[in-house]
Amino acid sequence: MTHAEPLRITVASRTAEVRPDEFLRIFDPIQVVQENLIDVGPCVSQRILEAQGGHLDIKQGRAEVTFTATLPTTQP
């Protein structure tokens, strides 16, 4: 099998707001759980993707928060 281009899935929101201090530790499960148990989604999602050889990125623009999940693919 050969490796193909990775699969990328992007989810963006123009209504979500992430404070700068939250943005820096959004994937830190210890900080997130201590503050709000409901916000563990990015931490769990990142661990699942990493277990499959992928990764989760976050970008914050002027009026948008974007998560991009990247997973490796293979071709027969």
Protein backbone atom coordinates (compact mmCIF):
# COMPACT_ATOMS: atom_id res chain seq x y z
CA MET A 1 0.00 0.00 0.00
CA THR A 2 1.15 3.52 -0.72
CA HIS A 3 0.27 6.67 1.11
CA ALA A 4 -2.12 9.07 -0.56
CA GLU A 5 -2.94 12.63 0.31
CA PRO A 6 -4.25 12.91 3.88
CA LEU A 7 -7.94 13.34 4.50
CA ARG A 8 -8.76 16.78 5.92
CA ILE A 9 -12.05 17.76 7.51
CA THR A 10 -12.56 21.38 8.49
CA VAL A 11 -15.24 22.74 10.78
CA ALA A 12 -15.51 26.50 11.19
CA SER A 13 -17.70 28.83 13.20
CA ARG A 14 -18.17 32.55 12.88
CA THR A 15 -20.13 32.73 16.12
CA ALA A 16 -17.76 30.83 18.45
CA GLU A 17 -15.42 32.85 20.59
CA VAL A 18 -12.26 31.52 22.18
CA ARG A 19 -10.41 33.83 24.54
CA PRO A 20 -6.64 34.05 23.96
CA ASP A 21 -5.87 32.30 27.27
CA GLU A 22 -8.30 29.47 26.36
CA PHE A 23 -6.87 29.20 22.84
CA LEU A 24 -3.37 28.46 24.13
CA ARG A 25 -4.53 25.51 26.23
CA ILE A 26 -7.54 24.21 24.31
CA PHE A 27 -5.95 20.75 23.96
CA ASP A 28 -4.71 20.57 27.57
CA PRO A 29 -7.10 18.13 29.32
CA ILE A 30 -6.03 19.09 32.84
CA GLN A 31 -6.79 22.79 32.40
CA VAL A 32 -10.03 22.19 30.51
CA VAL A 33 -11.44 19.66 32.99
CA GLN A 34 -10.68 21.90 35.94
CA GLU A 35 -12.55 24.79 34.36
CA ASN A 36 -15.47 23.15 32.61
CA LEU A 37 -16.01 19.43 32.09
CA ILE A 38 -18.22 20.07 29.05
CA ASP A 39 -15.28 21.52 27.08
CA VAL A 40 -13.23 18.31 26.90
CA GLY A 41 -14.32 17.76 23.26
CA PRO A 42 -11.15 19.15 21.62
CA CYS A 43 -8.91 17.17 24.01
CA VAL A 44 -10.72 13.89 23.37
CA SER A 45 -10.94 14.52 19.63
CA GLN A 46 -7.22 15.24 19.44
CA ARG A 47 -6.36 12.00 21.29
CA ILE A 48 -8.60 9.92 18.99
CA LEU A 49 -7.05 11.43 15.86
CA GLU A 50 -3.51 10.97 17.20
CA ALA A 51 -4.26 7.30 17.96
CA GLN A 52 -5.11 6.90 14.26
CA GLY A 53 -1.96 8.69 13.10
CA GLY A 54 -3.67 12.04 12.52
CA HIS A 55 -3.87 15.38 14.25
CA LEU A 56 -6.25 18.21 15.09
CA ASP A 57 -5.38 21.85 14.48
CA ILE A 58 -7.16 25.02 15.54
CA LYS A 59 -6.90 28.46 13.97
CA GLN A 60 -8.53 31.65 15.08
CA GLY A 61 -9.04 34.47 12.65
CA ARG A 62 -10.65 37.84 13.14
CA ALA A 63 -14.19 36.49 13.01
CA GLU A 64 -13.80 32.73 12.83
CA VAL A 65 -12.59 29.69 14.77
CA THR A 66 -11.56 26.71 12.61
CA PHE A 67 -10.76 23.13 13.58
CA THR A 68 -9.08 20.92 10.98
CA ALA A 69 -8.86 17.17 11.50
CA THR A 70 -6.22 15.43 9.39
CA LEU A 71 -6.02 11.66 8.96
CA PRO A 72 -3.61 9.58 6.90
CA THR A 73 -4.97 7.58 3.99
CA THR A 74 -3.59 4.65 2.02
CA GLN A 75 -4.13 3.40 -1.52
CA PRO A 76 -4.12 -0.28 -2.51
